[in-house]
Amino acid sequence: MCGERINNLKKLFNIREGWRRCDDTLPHRILNEPLPDGVMPGVVLSQEELDTMVEGYYVCRGWTKDGLIPSSKMRELGLDSLLVN
């Protein structure tokens, strides 16, 4: 639970600083240049694939589809003192 609290605190900080769902992305190069070698040479990650991965990550974290932390999740982690009314 400690690691989950830390991850959510980091997310809260980013939200406070104006980070939104559109900011949860990868560099342009990753999405547009094929991998030169390795396990998957020539593969390019599409924006659609990345969006699917981000959505799945949000679900696993218990966040909303917009990447926000619900008040119920904050209470579960004992972070309810950080809730803004």
C-alpha atoms as a PDB file:
ATOM      1  CA  MET A   1       0.000   0.000   0.000  1.00  0.00           C
ATOM      2  CA  CYS A   2       2.941   2.332   0.629  1.00  0.00           C
ATOM      3  CA  GLY A   3       3.994   2.194  -3.020  1.00  0.00           C
ATOM      4  CA  GLU A   4       0.433   2.805  -4.159  1.00  0.00           C
ATOM      5  CA  ARG A   5       0.180   5.862  -1.902  1.00  0.00           C
ATOM      6  CA  ILE A   6       3.448   7.212  -3.313  1.00  0.00           C
ATOM      7  CA  ASN A   7       2.279   6.686  -6.899  1.00  0.00           C
ATOM      8  CA  ASN A   8      -0.993   8.472  -6.179  1.00  0.00           C
ATOM      9  CA  LEU A   9       0.802  11.332  -4.412  1.00  0.00           C
ATOM     10  CA  LYS A  10       2.974  11.774  -7.502  1.00  0.00           C
ATOM     11  CA  LYS A  11      -0.170  11.848  -9.639  1.00  0.00           C
ATOM     12  CA  LEU A  12      -1.787  14.402  -7.304  1.00  0.00           C
ATOM     13  CA  PHE A  13       1.274  16.625  -7.616  1.00  0.00           C
ATOM     14  CA  ASN A  14       1.140  16.394 -11.404  1.00  0.00           C
ATOM     15  CA  ILE A  15      -2.595  17.162 -11.438  1.00  0.00           C
ATOM     16  CA  ARG A  16      -1.998  20.189  -9.221  1.00  0.00           C
ATOM     17  CA  GLU A  17       0.636  21.378 -11.686  1.00  0.00           C
ATOM     18  CA  GLY A  18      -1.808  21.140 -14.594  1.00  0.00           C
ATOM     19  CA  TRP A  19      -0.977  17.658 -15.932  1.00  0.00           C
ATOM     20  CA  ARG A  20      -3.912  16.200 -17.881  1.00  0.00           C
ATOM     21  CA  ARG A  21      -4.647  12.970 -19.717  1.00  0.00           C
ATOM     22  CA  CYS A  22      -3.186  14.332 -22.944  1.00  0.00           C
ATOM     23  CA  ASP A  23       0.139  14.708 -21.113  1.00  0.00           C
ATOM     24  CA  ASP A  24       0.324  10.968 -20.347  1.00  0.00           C
ATOM     25  CA  THR A  25       2.038  10.138 -23.609  1.00  0.00           C
ATOM     26  CA  LEU A  26       5.390   9.163 -25.056  1.00  0.00           C
ATOM     27  CA  PRO A  27       7.891  11.206 -27.065  1.00  0.00           C
ATOM     28  CA  HIS A  28       7.096  11.840 -30.744  1.00  0.00           C
ATOM     29  CA  ARG A  29      10.014   9.636 -31.772  1.00  0.00           C
ATOM     30  CA  ILE A  30       8.603   6.542 -30.031  1.00  0.00           C
ATOM     31  CA  LEU A  31       5.291   6.947 -31.850  1.00  0.00           C
ATOM     32  CA  ASN A  32       6.732   7.722 -35.283  1.00  0.00           C
ATOM     33  CA  GLU A  33      10.091   6.027 -35.815  1.00  0.00           C
ATOM     34  CA  PRO A  34      10.348   2.238 -36.225  1.00  0.00           C
ATOM     35  CA  LEU A  35      12.514   0.413 -33.717  1.00  0.00           C
ATOM     36  CA  PRO A  36      15.869  -0.182 -35.431  1.00  0.00           C
ATOM     37  CA  ASP A  37      16.609  -3.534 -33.778  1.00  0.00           C
ATOM     38  CA  GLY A  38      15.919  -5.649 -30.722  1.00  0.00           C
ATOM     39  CA  VAL A  39      13.027  -8.000 -30.141  1.00  0.00           C
ATOM     40  CA  MET A  40      10.624  -6.078 -32.397  1.00  0.00           C
ATOM     41  CA  PRO A  41      12.615  -4.337 -35.161  1.00  0.00           C
ATOM     42  CA  GLY A  42      10.544  -2.122 -37.422  1.00  0.00           C
ATOM     43  CA  VAL A  43       7.646  -1.829 -34.975  1.00  0.00           C
ATOM     44  CA  VAL A  44       6.058   1.572 -34.356  1.00  0.00           C
ATOM     45  CA  LEU A  45       3.672   2.082 -31.444  1.00  0.00           C
ATOM     46  CA  SER A  46       0.505   3.779 -32.685  1.00  0.00           C
ATOM     47  CA  GLN A  47      -1.321   6.502 -30.774  1.00  0.00           C
ATOM     48  CA  GLU A  48      -4.338   4.190 -30.582  1.00  0.00           C
ATOM     49  CA  GLU A  49      -2.251   1.433 -28.984  1.00  0.00           C
ATOM     50  CA  LEU A  50      -0.794   3.894 -26.506  1.00  0.00           C
ATOM     51  CA  ASP A  51      -4.264   5.235 -25.655  1.00  0.00           C
ATOM     52  CA  THR A  52      -5.435   1.679 -24.963  1.00  0.00           C
ATOM     53  CA  MET A  53      -2.442   1.081 -22.684  1.00  0.00           C
ATOM     54  CA  VAL A  54      -2.997   4.349 -20.806  1.00  0.00           C
ATOM     55  CA  GLU A  55      -6.690   3.519 -20.320  1.00  0.00           C
ATOM     56  CA  GLY A  56      -5.755   0.097 -18.940  1.00  0.00           C
ATOM     57  CA  TYR A  57      -3.205   1.683 -16.615  1.00  0.00           C
ATOM     58  CA  TYR A  58      -5.828   4.104 -15.282  1.00  0.00           C
ATOM     59  CA  VAL A  59      -8.215   1.208 -14.630  1.00  0.00           C
ATOM     60  CA  CYS A  60      -5.497  -0.728 -12.772  1.00  0.00           C
ATOM     61  CA  ARG A  61      -4.745   2.341 -10.642  1.00  0.00           C
ATOM     62  CA  GLY A  62      -8.430   2.926  -9.875  1.00  0.00           C
ATOM     63  CA  TRP A  63      -8.416   6.346 -11.551  1.00  0.00           C
ATOM     64  CA  THR A  64     -11.061   7.880 -13.783  1.00  0.00           C
ATOM     65  CA  LYS A  65     -10.873   7.644 -17.580  1.00  0.00           C
ATOM     66  CA  ASP A  66      -9.464  11.180 -17.491  1.00  0.00           C
ATOM     67  CA  GLY A  67      -6.621  10.127 -15.200  1.00  0.00           C
ATOM     68  CA  LEU A  68      -8.001  11.776 -12.086  1.00  0.00           C
ATOM     69  CA  ILE A  69      -8.058  10.143  -8.661  1.00  0.00           C
ATOM     70  CA  PRO A  70     -11.589   9.629  -7.301  1.00  0.00           C
ATOM     71  CA  SER A  71     -12.262  10.765  -3.732  1.00  0.00           C
ATOM     72  CA  SER A  72     -13.096   7.154  -2.816  1.00  0.00           C
ATOM     73  CA  LYS A  73      -9.571   6.108  -3.861  1.00  0.00           C
ATOM     74  CA  MET A  74      -8.092   8.970  -1.838  1.00  0.00           C
ATOM     75  CA  ARG A  75     -10.000   7.813   1.246  1.00  0.00           C
ATOM     76  CA  GLU A  76      -8.960   4.196   0.657  1.00  0.00           C
ATOM     77  CA  LEU A  77      -5.309   5.279   0.700  1.00  0.00           C
ATOM     78  CA  GLY A  78      -5.697   7.565   3.711  1.00  0.00           C
ATOM     79  CA  LEU A  79      -5.115  10.644   1.588  1.00  0.00           C
ATOM     80  CA  ASP A  80      -8.506  12.218   2.260  1.00  0.00           C
ATOM     81  CA  SER A  81      -6.846  15.159   4.042  1.00  0.00           C
ATOM     82  CA  LEU A  82      -5.637  16.227   0.585  1.00  0.00           C
ATOM     83  CA  LEU A  83      -9.143  16.354  -0.908  1.00  0.00           C
ATOM     84  CA  VAL A  84     -10.178  19.776  -2.181  1.00  0.00           C
ATOM     85  CA  ASN A  85     -13.754  20.764  -1.384  1.00  0.00           C
END
